[in-house]
N, C-alpha and C. Protein backbone atom coordinates (compact mmCIF):
# COMPACT_ATOMS: atom_id res chain seq x y z
N UNK A 1 -18.34 108.48 -150.66
CA UNK A 1 -17.88 108.06 -151.98
C UNK A 1 -17.18 106.69 -151.91
N UNK A 2 -16.19 106.56 -151.00
CA UNK A 2 -15.45 105.31 -150.91
C UNK A 2 -16.19 104.26 -150.10
N UNK A 3 -17.25 104.66 -149.42
CA UNK A 3 -18.01 103.72 -148.61
C UNK A 3 -18.63 102.61 -149.45
N UNK A 4 -18.76 102.85 -150.74
CA UNK A 4 -19.36 101.85 -151.62
C UNK A 4 -18.36 100.80 -152.09
N UNK A 5 -17.09 101.01 -151.84
CA UNK A 5 -16.06 100.07 -152.27
C UNK A 5 -15.81 99.09 -151.14
N UNK A 6 -16.07 97.83 -151.40
CA UNK A 6 -15.93 96.79 -150.38
C UNK A 6 -14.49 96.71 -149.88
N UNK A 7 -14.34 96.76 -148.57
CA UNK A 7 -13.03 96.60 -147.97
C UNK A 7 -12.15 97.83 -148.00
N UNK A 8 -12.67 98.98 -148.46
CA UNK A 8 -11.83 100.18 -148.54
C UNK A 8 -11.48 100.67 -147.15
N UNK A 9 -10.20 100.83 -146.90
CA UNK A 9 -9.69 101.33 -145.62
C UNK A 9 -9.32 102.80 -145.82
N UNK A 10 -10.12 103.69 -145.25
CA UNK A 10 -9.86 105.12 -145.44
C UNK A 10 -8.56 105.56 -144.78
N UNK A 11 -8.02 104.75 -143.88
CA UNK A 11 -6.76 105.06 -143.22
C UNK A 11 -5.58 104.30 -143.83
N UNK A 12 -5.68 103.95 -145.10
CA UNK A 12 -4.64 103.13 -145.73
C UNK A 12 -3.28 103.82 -145.73
N UNK A 13 -3.27 105.15 -145.80
CA UNK A 13 -1.98 105.87 -145.79
C UNK A 13 -1.27 105.65 -144.46
N UNK A 14 -2.02 105.69 -143.37
CA UNK A 14 -1.42 105.46 -142.05
C UNK A 14 -0.88 104.04 -141.95
N UNK A 15 -1.61 103.10 -142.53
CA UNK A 15 -1.17 101.70 -142.51
C UNK A 15 0.15 101.55 -143.26
N UNK A 16 0.25 102.19 -144.42
CA UNK A 16 1.48 102.13 -145.21
C UNK A 16 2.64 102.74 -144.42
N UNK A 17 2.40 103.90 -143.82
CA UNK A 17 3.45 104.56 -143.02
C UNK A 17 3.95 103.67 -141.91
N UNK A 18 3.03 103.08 -141.17
CA UNK A 18 3.40 102.21 -140.06
C UNK A 18 4.18 101.00 -140.55
N UNK A 19 3.77 100.43 -141.69
CA UNK A 19 4.45 99.26 -142.22
C UNK A 19 5.84 99.58 -142.74
N UNK A 20 6.02 100.74 -143.33
CA UNK A 20 7.36 101.12 -143.78
C UNK A 20 8.31 101.13 -142.59
N UNK A 21 7.89 101.76 -141.52
CA UNK A 21 8.74 101.82 -140.32
C UNK A 21 8.95 100.43 -139.73
N UNK A 22 7.87 99.64 -139.67
CA UNK A 22 7.96 98.28 -139.11
C UNK A 22 8.92 97.41 -139.92
N UNK A 23 8.79 97.44 -141.25
CA UNK A 23 9.65 96.62 -142.11
C UNK A 23 11.11 97.09 -142.02
N UNK A 24 11.32 98.39 -141.90
CA UNK A 24 12.68 98.92 -141.77
C UNK A 24 13.31 98.40 -140.49
N UNK A 25 12.56 98.42 -139.41
CA UNK A 25 13.08 97.96 -138.13
C UNK A 25 13.32 96.45 -138.15
N UNK A 26 12.43 95.70 -138.83
CA UNK A 26 12.64 94.25 -138.95
C UNK A 26 13.94 93.94 -139.67
N UNK A 27 14.30 94.75 -140.66
CA UNK A 27 15.54 94.54 -141.41
C UNK A 27 16.74 95.17 -140.71
N UNK A 28 16.46 95.85 -139.58
CA UNK A 28 17.50 96.51 -138.81
C UNK A 28 18.30 97.50 -139.65
N UNK A 29 17.55 98.31 -140.40
CA UNK A 29 18.16 99.36 -141.22
C UNK A 29 17.87 100.70 -140.55
N UNK A 30 18.90 101.45 -140.30
CA UNK A 30 18.71 102.78 -139.73
C UNK A 30 18.03 103.70 -140.73
N UNK A 31 17.24 104.62 -140.24
CA UNK A 31 16.53 105.56 -141.10
C UNK A 31 17.50 106.32 -142.00
N UNK A 32 18.62 106.75 -141.44
CA UNK A 32 19.61 107.50 -142.23
C UNK A 32 20.19 106.65 -143.35
N UNK A 33 20.44 105.38 -143.06
CA UNK A 33 20.99 104.49 -144.08
C UNK A 33 19.97 104.22 -145.19
N UNK A 34 18.72 104.02 -144.80
CA UNK A 34 17.69 103.78 -145.80
C UNK A 34 17.49 105.01 -146.67
N UNK A 35 17.51 106.18 -146.06
CA UNK A 35 17.37 107.43 -146.82
C UNK A 35 18.49 107.55 -147.85
N UNK A 36 19.68 107.17 -147.45
CA UNK A 36 20.82 107.24 -148.38
C UNK A 36 20.64 106.25 -149.54
N UNK A 37 20.19 105.04 -149.24
CA UNK A 37 19.95 104.04 -150.29
C UNK A 37 18.90 104.54 -151.27
N UNK A 38 17.84 105.17 -150.74
CA UNK A 38 16.73 105.65 -151.57
C UNK A 38 17.02 106.99 -152.22
N UNK A 39 18.13 107.61 -151.83
CA UNK A 39 18.52 108.93 -152.33
C UNK A 39 17.47 109.99 -152.01
N UNK A 40 17.01 109.95 -150.75
CA UNK A 40 16.11 110.98 -150.23
C UNK A 40 16.71 111.46 -148.90
N UNK A 41 16.22 112.57 -148.42
CA UNK A 41 16.74 113.07 -147.15
C UNK A 41 16.14 112.27 -146.00
N UNK A 42 16.89 112.16 -144.90
CA UNK A 42 16.34 111.48 -143.72
C UNK A 42 15.06 112.15 -143.22
N UNK A 43 15.00 113.47 -143.33
CA UNK A 43 13.80 114.20 -142.89
C UNK A 43 12.59 113.80 -143.72
N UNK A 44 12.78 113.65 -145.02
CA UNK A 44 11.70 113.24 -145.92
C UNK A 44 11.21 111.84 -145.54
N UNK A 45 12.13 110.93 -145.34
CA UNK A 45 11.77 109.55 -144.98
C UNK A 45 11.09 109.51 -143.61
N UNK A 46 11.58 110.31 -142.68
CA UNK A 46 10.96 110.37 -141.36
C UNK A 46 9.52 110.84 -141.46
N UNK A 47 9.27 111.81 -142.31
CA UNK A 47 7.90 112.31 -142.50
C UNK A 47 7.02 111.26 -143.18
N UNK A 48 7.58 110.49 -144.08
CA UNK A 48 6.81 109.42 -144.73
C UNK A 48 6.44 108.36 -143.70
N UNK A 49 7.35 108.05 -142.80
CA UNK A 49 7.09 107.04 -141.77
C UNK A 49 6.11 107.53 -140.70
N UNK A 50 5.88 108.81 -140.64
CA UNK A 50 4.99 109.37 -139.63
C UNK A 50 3.53 109.30 -140.09
N UNK A 51 2.70 108.51 -139.42
CA UNK A 51 1.30 108.37 -139.84
C UNK A 51 0.49 109.65 -139.63
N UNK A 52 1.02 110.59 -138.86
CA UNK A 52 0.28 111.82 -138.59
C UNK A 52 0.64 112.96 -139.53
N UNK A 53 1.55 112.74 -140.46
CA UNK A 53 1.95 113.78 -141.40
C UNK A 53 1.22 113.55 -142.72
N UNK A 54 0.11 114.22 -142.88
CA UNK A 54 -0.70 114.05 -144.09
C UNK A 54 -0.13 114.78 -145.30
N UNK A 55 0.86 115.63 -145.08
CA UNK A 55 1.43 116.41 -146.18
C UNK A 55 2.42 115.60 -147.02
N UNK A 56 3.04 114.63 -146.41
CA UNK A 56 4.01 113.80 -147.15
C UNK A 56 3.41 112.43 -147.43
N UNK A 57 3.45 112.05 -148.65
CA UNK A 57 2.99 110.72 -149.03
C UNK A 57 4.09 110.02 -149.79
N UNK A 58 3.99 108.74 -149.82
CA UNK A 58 4.99 107.91 -150.48
C UNK A 58 4.57 107.69 -151.93
N UNK A 59 5.47 107.96 -152.85
CA UNK A 59 5.17 107.72 -154.26
C UNK A 59 5.17 106.21 -154.54
N UNK A 60 4.55 105.84 -155.60
CA UNK A 60 4.52 104.43 -156.00
C UNK A 60 5.94 103.94 -156.32
N UNK A 61 6.75 104.80 -156.90
CA UNK A 61 8.13 104.44 -157.21
C UNK A 61 8.91 104.15 -155.93
N UNK A 62 8.75 105.02 -154.93
CA UNK A 62 9.43 104.82 -153.67
C UNK A 62 8.92 103.56 -152.97
N UNK A 63 7.63 103.34 -153.01
CA UNK A 63 7.06 102.15 -152.41
C UNK A 63 7.61 100.89 -153.08
N UNK A 64 7.76 100.93 -154.39
CA UNK A 64 8.32 99.80 -155.13
C UNK A 64 9.77 99.54 -154.69
N UNK A 65 10.55 100.61 -154.58
CA UNK A 65 11.94 100.45 -154.12
C UNK A 65 11.99 99.85 -152.72
N UNK A 66 11.12 100.34 -151.85
CA UNK A 66 11.05 99.81 -150.49
C UNK A 66 10.69 98.33 -150.48
N UNK A 67 9.79 97.93 -151.37
CA UNK A 67 9.40 96.52 -151.43
C UNK A 67 10.59 95.65 -151.83
N UNK A 68 11.43 96.15 -152.70
CA UNK A 68 12.63 95.41 -153.10
C UNK A 68 13.64 95.33 -151.96
N UNK A 69 13.84 96.44 -151.27
CA UNK A 69 14.79 96.48 -150.16
C UNK A 69 14.34 95.58 -149.02
N UNK A 70 13.05 95.63 -148.70
CA UNK A 70 12.52 94.86 -147.58
C UNK A 70 12.11 93.45 -147.97
N UNK A 71 12.20 93.12 -149.26
CA UNK A 71 11.79 91.81 -149.77
C UNK A 71 10.33 91.53 -149.41
N UNK A 72 9.47 92.51 -149.73
CA UNK A 72 8.04 92.42 -149.47
C UNK A 72 7.27 92.66 -150.77
N UNK A 73 6.05 92.17 -150.80
CA UNK A 73 5.16 92.48 -151.92
C UNK A 73 4.50 93.82 -151.63
N UNK A 74 4.12 94.52 -152.68
CA UNK A 74 3.48 95.83 -152.50
C UNK A 74 2.27 95.72 -151.59
N UNK A 75 1.48 94.68 -151.75
CA UNK A 75 0.26 94.58 -150.93
C UNK A 75 0.56 94.35 -149.45
N UNK A 76 1.79 93.93 -149.12
CA UNK A 76 2.16 93.78 -147.71
C UNK A 76 2.12 95.12 -146.98
N UNK A 77 2.36 96.20 -147.70
CA UNK A 77 2.36 97.53 -147.09
C UNK A 77 0.94 97.98 -146.72
N UNK A 78 -0.07 97.37 -147.31
CA UNK A 78 -1.45 97.76 -147.07
C UNK A 78 -2.11 96.93 -145.96
N UNK A 79 -1.44 95.91 -145.49
CA UNK A 79 -2.02 95.01 -144.48
C UNK A 79 -1.85 95.58 -143.09
N UNK A 80 -2.93 95.51 -142.32
CA UNK A 80 -2.88 96.00 -140.93
C UNK A 80 -2.33 94.94 -140.01
């Protein structure tokens, strides 16, 4: 189905997860501190950052908040 869409990365969720963790580390923000800022549990954020946890996904609202905190554009989260 998605094979017909040019440039579609079927692993985009893993890319987003990896970038969230990467951007957090670049800003030198501890996971617990970021969870507090976002008003989510550290466990929830840890699962979002884990590319192997398919059960937890990042909402668009949370991704938008992260983009503001990390001073990134939304599309930066999709780049490998």
